[in-house]
């Protein structure tokens, strides 16, 4: 038996959701297509079965137990989620702590700043230093200051 591309329309036909023109076209199709005919027949039998099935009365105690179990299941699900998130947070904290510890243990020694740079950032331009390497820094500061008149 081949699969028909119109088999999806069988439920609409069975449920009366087609326009009269669509219904007429699909009824003509049913005469030629066994796949769609069997699908409509299966839907009719299923509808009949569900329509004639008797409902059962569920005792109130059973309903109460089911509702309590659902509430308990939800509470357990929330606790499981919280546990997973707590483990993930602890793991992230441990990784970050290890990374920081490693970064501190391999920290390089501080870079030594040359004397002329120290004088450039620490001396006031009006006091010229005596050492030649400090004078270079002083000249740079003096040249870059706004008071030199050629900015």
C-alpha atoms as a PDB file:
ATOM      1  CA  UNK A   1       0.000   0.000   0.000  1.00  0.00           C
ATOM      2  CA  UNK A   2       1.470   3.366  -1.007  1.00  0.00           C
ATOM      3  CA  UNK A   3       1.388   6.513   1.083  1.00  0.00           C
ATOM      4  CA  UNK A   4      -0.926   9.172  -0.316  1.00  0.00           C
ATOM      5  CA  UNK A   5      -0.096  12.853  -0.055  1.00  0.00           C
ATOM      6  CA  UNK A   6      -3.738  13.619   0.792  1.00  0.00           C
ATOM      7  CA  UNK A   7      -3.930  11.243   3.783  1.00  0.00           C
ATOM      8  CA  UNK A   8      -3.394  14.232   6.100  1.00  0.00           C
ATOM      9  CA  UNK A   9      -6.788  15.577   4.978  1.00  0.00           C
ATOM     10  CA  UNK A  10      -8.629  12.454   6.203  1.00  0.00           C
ATOM     11  CA  UNK A  11      -9.039  13.831   9.731  1.00  0.00           C
ATOM     12  CA  UNK A  12     -10.502  17.099   8.394  1.00  0.00           C
ATOM     13  CA  UNK A  13     -12.907  15.077   6.222  1.00  0.00           C
ATOM     14  CA  UNK A  14     -13.943  12.856   9.142  1.00  0.00           C
ATOM     15  CA  UNK A  15     -14.404  15.779  11.537  1.00  0.00           C
ATOM     16  CA  UNK A  16     -16.464  17.810   9.034  1.00  0.00           C
ATOM     17  CA  UNK A  17     -13.923  20.637   8.869  1.00  0.00           C
ATOM     18  CA  UNK A  18     -13.901  20.856   5.047  1.00  0.00           C
ATOM     19  CA  UNK A  19     -15.911  23.205   2.907  1.00  0.00           C
ATOM     20  CA  UNK A  20     -18.611  21.517   0.795  1.00  0.00           C
ATOM     21  CA  UNK A  21     -16.445  21.801  -2.336  1.00  0.00           C
ATOM     22  CA  UNK A  22     -13.402  20.289  -0.560  1.00  0.00           C
ATOM     23  CA  UNK A  23     -15.567  17.543   0.899  1.00  0.00           C
ATOM     24  CA  UNK A  24     -16.906  16.613  -2.564  1.00  0.00           C
ATOM     25  CA  UNK A  25     -13.375  16.498  -4.016  1.00  0.00           C
ATOM     26  CA  UNK A  26     -12.076  14.372  -1.140  1.00  0.00           C
ATOM     27  CA  UNK A  27     -15.054  11.984  -1.361  1.00  0.00           C
ATOM     28  CA  UNK A  28     -14.228  11.439  -5.044  1.00  0.00           C
ATOM     29  CA  UNK A  29     -10.607  10.833  -4.041  1.00  0.00           C
ATOM     30  CA  UNK A  30     -11.700   8.227  -1.477  1.00  0.00           C
ATOM     31  CA  UNK A  31     -13.261   6.123  -4.254  1.00  0.00           C
ATOM     32  CA  UNK A  32      -9.813   5.746  -5.889  1.00  0.00           C
ATOM     33  CA  UNK A  33      -7.411   5.802  -2.902  1.00  0.00           C
ATOM     34  CA  UNK A  34      -7.317   2.810  -0.552  1.00  0.00           C
ATOM     35  CA  UNK A  35      -4.842   4.516   1.824  1.00  0.00           C
ATOM     36  CA  UNK A  36      -7.167   7.460   2.504  1.00  0.00           C
ATOM     37  CA  UNK A  37     -10.242   5.197   2.632  1.00  0.00           C
ATOM     38  CA  UNK A  38      -8.599   3.018   5.314  1.00  0.00           C
ATOM     39  CA  UNK A  39      -7.539   6.126   7.262  1.00  0.00           C
ATOM     40  CA  UNK A  40     -11.119   7.502   7.297  1.00  0.00           C
ATOM     41  CA  UNK A  41     -12.443   4.066   8.305  1.00  0.00           C
ATOM     42  CA  UNK A  42      -9.894   3.858  11.137  1.00  0.00           C
ATOM     43  CA  UNK A  43     -10.929   7.335  12.343  1.00  0.00           C
ATOM     44  CA  UNK A  44     -14.605   6.279  12.319  1.00  0.00           C
ATOM     45  CA  UNK A  45     -13.880   3.152  14.372  1.00  0.00           C
ATOM     46  CA  UNK A  46     -11.725   5.114  16.820  1.00  0.00           C
ATOM     47  CA  UNK A  47     -14.459   7.749  17.244  1.00  0.00           C
ATOM     48  CA  UNK A  48     -17.062   5.065  17.812  1.00  0.00           C
ATOM     49  CA  UNK A  49     -14.861   3.290  20.377  1.00  0.00           C
ATOM     50  CA  UNK A  50     -14.130   6.472  22.296  1.00  0.00           C
ATOM     51  CA  UNK A  51     -17.784   7.529  22.141  1.00  0.00           C
ATOM     52  CA  UNK A  52     -19.061   4.229  23.562  1.00  0.00           C
ATOM     53  CA  UNK A  53     -16.387   3.710  26.199  1.00  0.00           C
ATOM     54  CA  UNK A  54     -17.758   4.057  29.668  1.00  0.00           C
ATOM     55  CA  UNK A  55     -16.068   6.335  32.110  1.00  0.00           C
ATOM     56  CA  UNK A  56     -14.881   5.002  35.420  1.00  0.00           C
ATOM     57  CA  UNK A  57     -15.274   6.640  38.763  1.00  0.00           C
ATOM     58  CA  UNK A  58     -11.975   7.237  40.447  1.00  0.00           C
ATOM     59  CA  UNK A  59     -12.146   7.161  44.251  1.00  0.00           C
ATOM     60  CA  UNK A  60     -11.472  10.506  45.910  1.00  0.00           C
ATOM     61  CA  UNK A  61      -8.601   9.021  47.965  1.00  0.00           C
ATOM     62  CA  UNK A  62      -6.841   7.927  44.782  1.00  0.00           C
ATOM     63  CA  UNK A  63      -7.209  11.399  43.273  1.00  0.00           C
ATOM     64  CA  UNK A  64      -5.828  12.941  46.460  1.00  0.00           C
ATOM     65  CA  UNK A  65      -2.843  10.562  46.406  1.00  0.00           C
ATOM     66  CA  UNK A  66      -2.172  11.342  42.743  1.00  0.00           C
ATOM     67  CA  UNK A  67      -2.259  15.090  43.395  1.00  0.00           C
ATOM     68  CA  UNK A  68       0.008  14.694  46.419  1.00  0.00           C
ATOM     69  CA  UNK A  69       2.445  12.618  44.362  1.00  0.00           C
ATOM     70  CA  UNK A  70       2.510  15.251  41.641  1.00  0.00           C
ATOM     71  CA  UNK A  71       3.246  17.974  44.194  1.00  0.00           C
ATOM     72  CA  UNK A  72       5.947  15.797  45.758  1.00  0.00           C
ATOM     73  CA  UNK A  73       7.432  15.031  42.332  1.00  0.00           C
ATOM     74  CA  UNK A  74       7.604  18.743  41.517  1.00  0.00           C
ATOM     75  CA  UNK A  75       9.303  19.461  44.849  1.00  0.00           C
ATOM     76  CA  UNK A  76      11.857  16.704  44.178  1.00  0.00           C
ATOM     77  CA  UNK A  77      12.450  18.081  40.674  1.00  0.00           C
ATOM     78  CA  UNK A  78      13.107  21.543  42.126  1.00  0.00           C
ATOM     79  CA  UNK A  79      15.513  20.072  44.682  1.00  0.00           C
ATOM     80  CA  UNK A  80      17.351  18.083  41.986  1.00  0.00           C
ATOM     81  CA  UNK A  81      17.698  21.232  39.893  1.00  0.00           C
ATOM     82  CA  UNK A  82      18.989  23.147  42.914  1.00  0.00           C
ATOM     83  CA  UNK A  83      21.515  20.383  43.651  1.00  0.00           C
ATOM     84  CA  UNK A  84      22.777  20.392  40.073  1.00  0.00           C
ATOM     85  CA  UNK A  85      23.112  24.182  40.100  1.00  0.00           C
ATOM     86  CA  UNK A  86      24.924  24.088  43.454  1.00  0.00           C
ATOM     87  CA  UNK A  87      27.396  21.499  42.134  1.00  0.00           C
ATOM     88  CA  UNK A  88      27.942  23.591  38.989  1.00  0.00           C
ATOM     89  CA  UNK A  89      28.556  26.715  41.101  1.00  0.00           C
ATOM     90  CA  UNK A  90      30.987  24.851  43.377  1.00  0.00           C
ATOM     91  CA  UNK A  91      32.831  23.517  40.352  1.00  0.00           C
ATOM     92  CA  UNK A  92      33.064  26.994  38.815  1.00  0.00           C
ATOM     93  CA  UNK A  93      34.333  28.368  42.139  1.00  0.00           C
ATOM     94  CA  UNK A  94      36.966  25.629  42.389  1.00  0.00           C
ATOM     95  CA  UNK A  95      38.148  26.260  38.833  1.00  0.00           C
ATOM     96  CA  UNK A  96      38.374  30.022  39.413  1.00  0.00           C
ATOM     97  CA  UNK A  97      40.221  29.526  42.710  1.00  0.00           C
ATOM     98  CA  UNK A  98      42.695  27.171  41.031  1.00  0.00           C
ATOM     99  CA  UNK A  99      43.207  29.614  38.186  1.00  0.00           C
ATOM    100  CA  UNK A 100      43.844  32.501  40.616  1.00  0.00           C
ATOM    101  CA  UNK A 101      46.217  30.382  42.724  1.00  0.00           C
ATOM    102  CA  UNK A 102      48.138  29.370  39.582  1.00  0.00           C
ATOM    103  CA  UNK A 103      48.259  32.956  38.359  1.00  0.00           C
ATOM    104  CA  UNK A 104      49.702  34.104  41.706  1.00  0.00           C
ATOM    105  CA  UNK A 105      52.279  31.335  41.870  1.00  0.00           C
ATOM    106  CA  UNK A 106      53.695  32.105  38.414  1.00  0.00           C
ATOM    107  CA  UNK A 107      53.532  35.867  38.770  1.00  0.00           C
ATOM    108  CA  UNK A 108      56.543  37.550  37.256  1.00  0.00           C
ATOM    109  CA  UNK A 109      58.779  39.826  39.237  1.00  0.00           C
ATOM    110  CA  UNK A 110      57.850  43.471  38.917  1.00  0.00           C
ATOM    111  CA  UNK A 111      59.359  45.258  35.953  1.00  0.00           C
ATOM    112  CA  UNK A 112      62.011  47.733  36.918  1.00  0.00           C
ATOM    113  CA  UNK A 113      61.241  51.205  35.598  1.00  0.00           C
ATOM    114  CA  UNK A 114      64.238  53.113  34.258  1.00  0.00           C
ATOM    115  CA  UNK A 115      65.323  56.196  36.197  1.00  0.00           C
ATOM    116  CA  UNK A 116      64.542  58.607  33.381  1.00  0.00           C
ATOM    117  CA  UNK A 117      60.907  57.354  33.221  1.00  0.00           C
ATOM    118  CA  UNK A 118      60.539  57.668  36.977  1.00  0.00           C
ATOM    119  CA  UNK A 119      61.780  61.234  36.851  1.00  0.00           C
ATOM    120  CA  UNK A 120      59.406  62.014  33.970  1.00  0.00           C
ATOM    121  CA  UNK A 121      56.379  60.973  35.970  1.00  0.00           C
ATOM    122  CA  UNK A 122      57.447  62.011  39.445  1.00  0.00           C
ATOM    123  CA  UNK A 123      59.348  65.307  39.195  1.00  0.00           C
ATOM    124  CA  UNK A 124      57.863  68.706  38.758  1.00  0.00           C
ATOM    125  CA  UNK A 125      59.101  70.394  35.559  1.00  0.00           C
ATOM    126  CA  UNK A 126      60.452  73.365  37.454  1.00  0.00           C
ATOM    127  CA  UNK A 127      63.095  71.329  39.303  1.00  0.00           C
ATOM    128  CA  UNK A 128      65.758  69.946  36.987  1.00  0.00           C
ATOM    129  CA  UNK A 129      67.413  66.722  38.204  1.00  0.00           C
ATOM    130  CA  UNK A 130      71.167  66.417  38.422  1.00  0.00           C
ATOM    131  CA  UNK A 131      71.652  62.928  36.926  1.00  0.00           C
ATOM    132  CA  UNK A 132      71.833  62.872  33.086  1.00  0.00           C
ATOM    133  CA  UNK A 133      69.324  59.980  32.714  1.00  0.00           C
ATOM    134  CA  UNK A 134      66.850  61.865  34.882  1.00  0.00           C
ATOM    135  CA  UNK A 135      67.346  65.034  32.842  1.00  0.00           C
ATOM    136  CA  UNK A 136      66.012  63.215  29.743  1.00  0.00           C
ATOM    137  CA  UNK A 137      62.751  62.513  31.529  1.00  0.00           C
ATOM    138  CA  UNK A 138      62.610  66.058  32.784  1.00  0.00           C
ATOM    139  CA  UNK A 139      63.084  67.444  29.252  1.00  0.00           C
ATOM    140  CA  UNK A 140      60.282  65.202  27.954  1.00  0.00           C
ATOM    141  CA  UNK A 141      57.902  66.379  30.658  1.00  0.00           C
ATOM    142  CA  UNK A 142      58.835  70.004  30.093  1.00  0.00           C
ATOM    143  CA  UNK A 143      58.426  69.674  26.320  1.00  0.00           C
ATOM    144  CA  UNK A 144      55.027  67.982  26.598  1.00  0.00           C
ATOM    145  CA  UNK A 145      53.616  70.387  29.154  1.00  0.00           C
ATOM    146  CA  UNK A 146      51.030  72.924  28.053  1.00  0.00           C
ATOM    147  CA  UNK A 147      53.145  75.806  29.344  1.00  0.00           C
ATOM    148  CA  UNK A 148      55.839  75.528  26.650  1.00  0.00           C
ATOM    149  CA  UNK A 149      53.749  77.566  24.200  1.00  0.00           C
ATOM    150  CA  UNK A 150      54.124  75.423  21.073  1.00  0.00           C
ATOM    151  CA  UNK A 151      51.236  72.918  21.337  1.00  0.00           C
END
